Amino acid sequence: MSYTLPPLPYAYDALEPHFDKQTMEIHHSKHHQAYVNNANAALESLPDELKNLSAEDLIAQLDRIPAEKRAILRNNAGGHANHSLFWKGLKLGTQLTGDLKAAIERDFGSVDEFKAKFEQAATTRFGSGWAWLVYQDGKLAVVSTANQDSPLMGENFSGASGYPIVGLDVWEHAYYLKYQNRRPDYIKAFWDVVNWDEAAKRFADVKK
């Protein structure tokens, strides 16, 4: 299996004014494409049972990858998996409702308290990385990971674990053209473009 860049389910300017067209185009067509290309190059020498895994399944089994390929696939298959989730998780005009809202209120006390905790995780992630809402052991939690690490990699690799429900990219390439060094403003803008329908679907799927 070789990875391919997934087409966005919307135009590059669809998330204006919150996420700008230029950033979206560069982020998707340049940065994400580079992760795909680099991952595919590293996959070529892997045995078929690893080569044929999805990016998500591969990064969940990093300990099975030969040591000389592990770092490049951790970074690039991780980048591919993370960004593929990220694009699906963006959409204007959706609402947090239903089972996911109830679970957030149960596990964080309120939606506002969840947002505050998520914003703190995204803001305080030093350097490059991601903030996540994850589901693990019957509960929702907020975690963050460095670089292109994912909670799917587990505690030993990423320092976090769980099934991602919502992910936010806090690498500078995700926001610098519009927000410069104002990462907190970018994080606030994220709430205007979260695809809560996709988050609810992921939440329902993981509970099956």
Protein backbone atom coordinates (compact mmCIF):
# COMPACT_ATOMS: atom_id res chain seq x y z
CA MET A 1 0.00 0.00 0.00
CA SER A 2 1.20 3.50 -0.76
CA TYR A 3 -0.32 6.52 0.89
CA THR A 4 -2.03 9.27 -1.08
CA LEU A 5 -2.86 12.85 -0.22
CA PRO A 6 -6.59 12.93 0.58
CA PRO A 7 -8.55 15.62 -1.25
CA LEU A 8 -10.08 18.20 1.06
CA PRO A 9 -13.86 17.93 1.39
CA TYR A 10 -14.10 21.72 0.89
CA ALA A 11 -12.36 24.54 -0.97
CA TYR A 12 -9.19 26.09 0.44
CA ASP A 13 -11.11 29.29 1.24
CA ALA A 14 -14.08 27.50 2.83
CA LEU A 15 -12.97 28.23 6.41
CA GLU A 16 -12.40 31.96 5.95
CA PRO A 17 -12.05 34.21 7.86
CA HIS A 18 -10.97 31.86 10.63
CA PHE A 19 -8.44 29.75 8.67
CA ASP A 20 -7.15 31.57 5.59
CA LYS A 21 -6.97 30.23 2.05
CA GLN A 22 -3.22 30.61 1.60
CA THR A 23 -2.38 28.73 4.78
CA MET A 24 -4.84 25.93 3.98
CA GLU A 25 -3.45 25.49 0.47
CA ILE A 26 0.21 25.42 1.55
CA HIS A 27 -0.54 23.27 4.59
CA HIS A 28 -2.41 20.67 2.54
CA SER A 29 -0.64 20.64 -0.83
CA LYS A 30 2.92 21.18 0.41
CA HIS A 31 3.31 20.09 4.04
CA HIS A 32 0.92 17.15 4.03
CA GLN A 33 2.12 16.04 0.59
CA ALA A 34 5.69 15.97 1.90
CA TYR A 35 4.67 13.65 4.76
CA VAL A 36 3.00 11.33 2.23
CA ASN A 37 6.05 11.31 -0.06
CA ASN A 38 8.52 10.70 2.75
CA ALA A 39 6.40 7.96 4.30
CA ASN A 40 6.01 6.17 0.97
CA ALA A 41 9.77 6.20 0.40
CA ALA A 42 10.32 4.60 3.79
CA LEU A 43 7.56 2.03 3.29
CA GLU A 44 9.22 0.52 0.24
CA SER A 45 11.67 -1.61 2.22
CA LEU A 46 9.19 -2.83 4.84
CA PRO A 47 7.74 -6.35 4.81
CA ASP A 48 4.27 -6.60 3.26
CA GLU A 49 2.48 -7.13 6.57
CA LEU A 50 3.62 -3.65 7.62
CA LYS A 51 3.63 -2.00 4.21
CA ASN A 52 -0.06 -2.85 3.71
CA LEU A 53 -1.26 -1.27 6.96
CA SER A 54 -3.09 2.04 7.03
CA ALA A 55 -1.10 4.93 8.46
CA GLU A 56 -3.19 4.79 11.64
CA ASP A 57 -2.56 1.07 12.11
CA LEU A 58 1.13 1.44 11.32
CA ILE A 59 1.81 4.17 13.88
CA ALA A 60 -0.04 2.12 16.49
CA GLN A 61 2.63 -0.60 15.99
CA LEU A 62 5.85 1.42 15.87
CA ASP A 63 7.68 -1.22 17.89
CA ARG A 64 7.29 -3.62 14.93
CA ILE A 65 9.02 -1.26 12.50
CA PRO A 66 12.74 -1.87 11.92
CA ALA A 67 14.79 0.56 13.98
CA GLU A 68 16.38 2.23 10.95
CA LYS A 69 12.93 3.18 9.57
CA ARG A 70 11.11 3.86 12.82
CA ALA A 71 11.91 7.55 13.26
CA ILE A 72 11.11 8.54 9.67
CA LEU A 73 7.78 6.67 9.76
CA ARG A 74 6.96 7.96 13.22
CA ASN A 75 7.32 11.48 11.82
CA ASN A 76 5.88 11.04 8.35
CA ALA A 77 3.24 8.32 8.66
CA GLY A 78 2.34 10.14 11.87
CA GLY A 79 2.09 13.41 9.94
CA HIS A 80 -0.08 11.76 7.30
CA ALA A 81 -2.44 10.20 9.84
CA ASN A 82 -2.69 13.36 11.93
CA HIS A 83 -3.39 15.65 9.00
CA SER A 84 -5.91 13.28 7.44
CA LEU A 85 -7.87 13.45 10.69
CA PHE A 86 -7.36 17.21 10.94
CA TRP A 87 -8.88 18.03 7.52
CA LYS A 88 -11.97 15.91 8.17
CA GLY A 89 -12.33 17.60 11.54
CA LEU A 90 -12.84 21.09 10.07
CA LYS A 91 -16.15 22.53 8.90
CA LEU A 92 -18.14 25.71 9.41
CA GLY A 93 -21.48 25.71 11.14
CA THR A 94 -21.66 22.42 13.05
CA GLN A 95 -22.88 22.14 16.63
CA LEU A 96 -21.76 20.05 19.59
CA THR A 97 -24.82 18.00 20.60
CA GLY A 98 -25.96 14.56 21.65
CA ASP A 99 -23.84 11.82 23.20
CA LEU A 100 -20.52 13.61 22.69
CA LYS A 101 -21.73 16.77 24.39
CA ALA A 102 -23.11 14.73 27.29
CA ALA A 103 -19.81 12.86 27.65
CA ILE A 104 -17.81 16.11 27.60
CA GLU A 105 -20.05 17.56 30.32
CA ARG A 106 -19.70 14.36 32.34
CA ASP A 107 -15.91 14.11 32.06
CA PHE A 108 -14.94 17.81 32.20
CA GLY A 109 -17.79 19.38 34.16
CA SER A 110 -18.93 21.62 31.29
CA VAL A 111 -18.21 22.39 27.66
CA ASP A 112 -16.48 25.61 28.74
CA GLU A 113 -14.20 23.72 31.12
CA PHE A 114 -13.33 21.27 28.34
CA LYS A 115 -12.48 24.16 25.98
CA ALA A 116 -10.32 25.81 28.61
CA LYS A 117 -8.38 22.59 29.20
CA PHE A 118 -7.96 22.00 25.46
CA GLU A 119 -6.78 25.57 24.90
CA GLN A 120 -4.28 25.21 27.72
CA ALA A 121 -2.89 21.99 26.22
CA ALA A 122 -2.60 23.61 22.78
CA THR A 123 -1.07 26.82 24.08
CA THR A 124 1.49 25.23 26.40
CA ARG A 125 2.72 22.57 23.92
CA PHE A 126 6.26 23.92 23.50
CA GLY A 127 7.47 24.10 19.92
CA SER A 128 5.57 21.98 17.42
CA GLY A 129 2.88 19.44 18.15
CA TRP A 130 -0.81 18.72 18.56
CA ALA A 131 -3.62 19.01 21.11
CA TRP A 132 -6.16 16.21 21.26
CA LEU A 133 -9.50 15.18 22.68
CA VAL A 134 -9.20 11.42 23.10
CA TYR A 135 -11.35 8.56 24.33
CA GLN A 136 -9.74 5.95 26.54
CA ASP A 137 -10.97 3.51 29.13
CA GLY A 138 -14.53 4.77 28.89
CA LYS A 139 -13.67 8.44 29.41
CA LEU A 140 -12.72 11.51 27.42
CA ALA A 141 -9.44 13.29 28.15
CA VAL A 142 -7.33 16.13 26.76
CA VAL A 143 -3.70 15.37 25.89
CA SER A 144 -0.97 16.88 23.75
CA THR A 145 1.84 15.35 21.73
CA ALA A 146 5.09 16.65 20.27
CA ASN A 147 5.98 16.92 16.59
CA GLN A 148 3.85 14.47 14.55
CA ASP A 149 3.29 12.05 17.41
CA SER A 150 -0.22 10.72 17.92
CA PRO A 151 -2.01 9.26 20.91
CA LEU A 152 -2.39 6.14 18.74
CA MET A 153 1.34 5.54 19.26
CA GLY A 154 0.79 4.97 22.97
CA GLU A 155 2.49 6.26 26.09
CA ASN A 156 5.89 4.73 25.36
CA PHE A 157 6.32 6.69 22.14
CA SER A 158 4.14 9.79 22.37
CA GLY A 159 3.63 10.22 26.10
CA ALA A 160 -0.12 9.99 25.50
CA SER A 161 -2.66 7.37 24.54
CA GLY A 162 -6.28 7.06 23.47
CA TYR A 163 -8.41 7.22 20.34
CA PRO A 164 -8.41 10.72 18.80
CA ILE A 165 -11.80 12.43 18.61
CA VAL A 166 -10.60 15.98 17.86
CA GLY A 167 -7.09 17.10 16.92
CA LEU A 168 -5.55 20.55 16.52
CA ASP A 169 -2.26 21.14 14.73
CA VAL A 170 -0.17 23.74 16.60
CA TRP A 171 2.86 23.69 14.32
CA GLU A 172 3.60 27.24 13.17
CA HIS A 173 2.96 26.25 9.56
CA ALA A 174 -0.70 25.76 10.51
CA TYR A 175 -1.26 29.39 11.48
CA TYR A 176 1.74 31.70 11.04
CA LEU A 177 0.72 33.41 7.78
CA LYS A 178 -2.48 34.70 9.40
CA TYR A 179 -1.79 34.73 13.12
CA GLN A 180 2.02 35.14 13.24
CA ASN A 181 3.10 34.44 16.82
CA ARG A 182 -0.44 34.69 18.22
CA ARG A 183 -1.05 31.00 18.74
CA PRO A 184 -3.83 31.62 21.32
CA ASP A 185 -5.83 33.57 18.69
CA TYR A 186 -5.51 30.65 16.27
CA ILE A 187 -6.65 28.23 18.97
CA LYS A 188 -9.69 30.42 19.73
CA ALA A 189 -10.53 30.50 16.01
CA PHE A 190 -10.48 26.70 15.94
CA TRP A 191 -13.80 26.57 17.81
CA ASP A 192 -15.45 28.30 14.85
CA VAL A 193 -14.37 25.55 12.45
CA VAL A 194 -14.49 22.32 14.48
CA ASN A 195 -16.51 19.70 12.64
CA TRP A 196 -18.54 18.43 15.56
CA ASP A 197 -20.40 16.05 13.25
CA GLU A 198 -17.13 14.26 12.44
CA ALA A 199 -16.14 14.27 16.11
CA ALA A 200 -19.50 12.73 17.04
CA LYS A 201 -19.02 10.05 14.38
CA ARG A 202 -15.57 9.16 15.68
CA PHE A 203 -16.92 9.05 19.23
CA ALA A 204 -19.76 6.74 18.19
CA ASP A 205 -17.39 4.50 16.21
CA VAL A 206 -14.93 3.99 19.06
CA LYS A 207 -17.70 3.01 21.48
CA LYS A 208 -19.04 0.24 19.22
